Amino acid sequence: MTVQVANNPYVNLVDIAINAGETPFLLGSPGIGKSAFMREVARMNNLLFIDVRLAGMDQTDINA
């Protein structure tokens, strides 16, 4: 899935967070393109994108 991020108002907010050394966190309903959006932003910034689906994990998998 390719997401058009050129005119998306959240791109600037995500870029500000990335440049401040913070990790952006998107929250929203399933299927609205959050992962695709972040994957594209990561590609634009030459960053590694790791897609973790917590719903499919056990709590012991998440605990470090």
Protein backbone atom coordinates (compact mmCIF):
# COMPACT_ATOMS: atom_id res chain seq x y z
CA MET A 1 0.00 0.00 0.00
CA THR A 2 1.42 3.37 -1.00
CA VAL A 3 0.28 6.36 0.98
CA GLN A 4 0.44 9.91 -0.34
CA VAL A 5 2.16 11.91 2.40
CA ALA A 6 3.11 15.01 0.41
CA ASN A 7 0.08 17.06 1.48
CA ASN A 8 -0.59 15.32 4.76
CA PRO A 9 -0.57 17.80 7.67
CA TYR A 10 0.90 15.22 10.03
CA VAL A 11 4.13 14.83 8.05
CA ASN A 12 5.55 18.03 9.55
CA LEU A 13 4.62 16.94 13.08
CA VAL A 14 6.28 13.57 12.59
CA ASP A 15 9.38 15.23 11.11
CA ILE A 16 9.56 17.60 14.11
CA ALA A 17 9.37 14.63 16.49
CA ILE A 18 12.05 12.71 14.56
CA ASN A 19 14.38 15.72 14.43
CA ALA A 20 13.89 16.22 18.18
CA GLY A 21 15.08 12.64 18.76
CA GLU A 22 11.60 11.43 19.74
CA THR A 23 9.75 8.36 18.48
CA PRO A 24 6.39 9.20 16.92
CA PHE A 25 3.38 7.19 18.08
CA LEU A 26 0.20 7.09 16.03
CA LEU A 27 -3.08 5.92 17.51
CA GLY A 28 -6.20 5.27 15.47
CA SER A 29 -8.70 2.75 14.17
CA PRO A 30 -7.49 -0.32 12.29
CA GLY A 31 -7.06 0.01 8.55
CA ILE A 32 -6.68 3.78 8.23
CA GLY A 33 -3.06 3.62 7.02
CA LYS A 34 -1.03 4.40 10.15
CA SER A 35 1.66 1.84 9.37
CA ALA A 36 1.76 2.74 5.68
CA PHE A 37 2.06 6.42 6.59
CA MET A 38 4.95 5.80 9.00
CA ARG A 39 6.65 3.43 6.55
CA GLU A 40 6.59 6.17 3.90
CA VAL A 41 7.82 8.85 6.34
CA ALA A 42 10.66 6.52 7.38
CA ARG A 43 11.55 5.93 3.71
CA MET A 44 11.56 9.69 3.04
CA ASN A 45 13.93 10.22 5.99
CA ASN A 46 16.11 7.18 5.19
CA LEU A 47 15.19 5.56 8.52
CA LEU A 48 14.67 1.94 9.51
CA PHE A 49 10.98 1.11 9.93
CA ILE A 50 10.08 -1.77 12.24
CA ASP A 51 6.40 -2.77 12.13
CA VAL A 52 5.41 -4.46 15.40
CA ARG A 53 1.85 -5.72 15.79
CA LEU A 54 1.29 -5.94 19.55
CA ALA A 55 -2.17 -7.49 19.17
CA GLY A 56 -0.54 -10.70 17.95
CA MET A 57 1.98 -10.88 20.79
CA ASP A 58 1.85 -12.30 24.28
CA GLN A 59 2.69 -10.00 27.18
CA THR A 60 5.77 -12.11 27.94
CA ASP A 61 7.01 -11.43 24.39
CA ILE A 62 6.87 -7.67 25.03
CA ASN A 63 8.39 -7.67 28.51
CA ALA A 64 12.14 -7.16 28.36
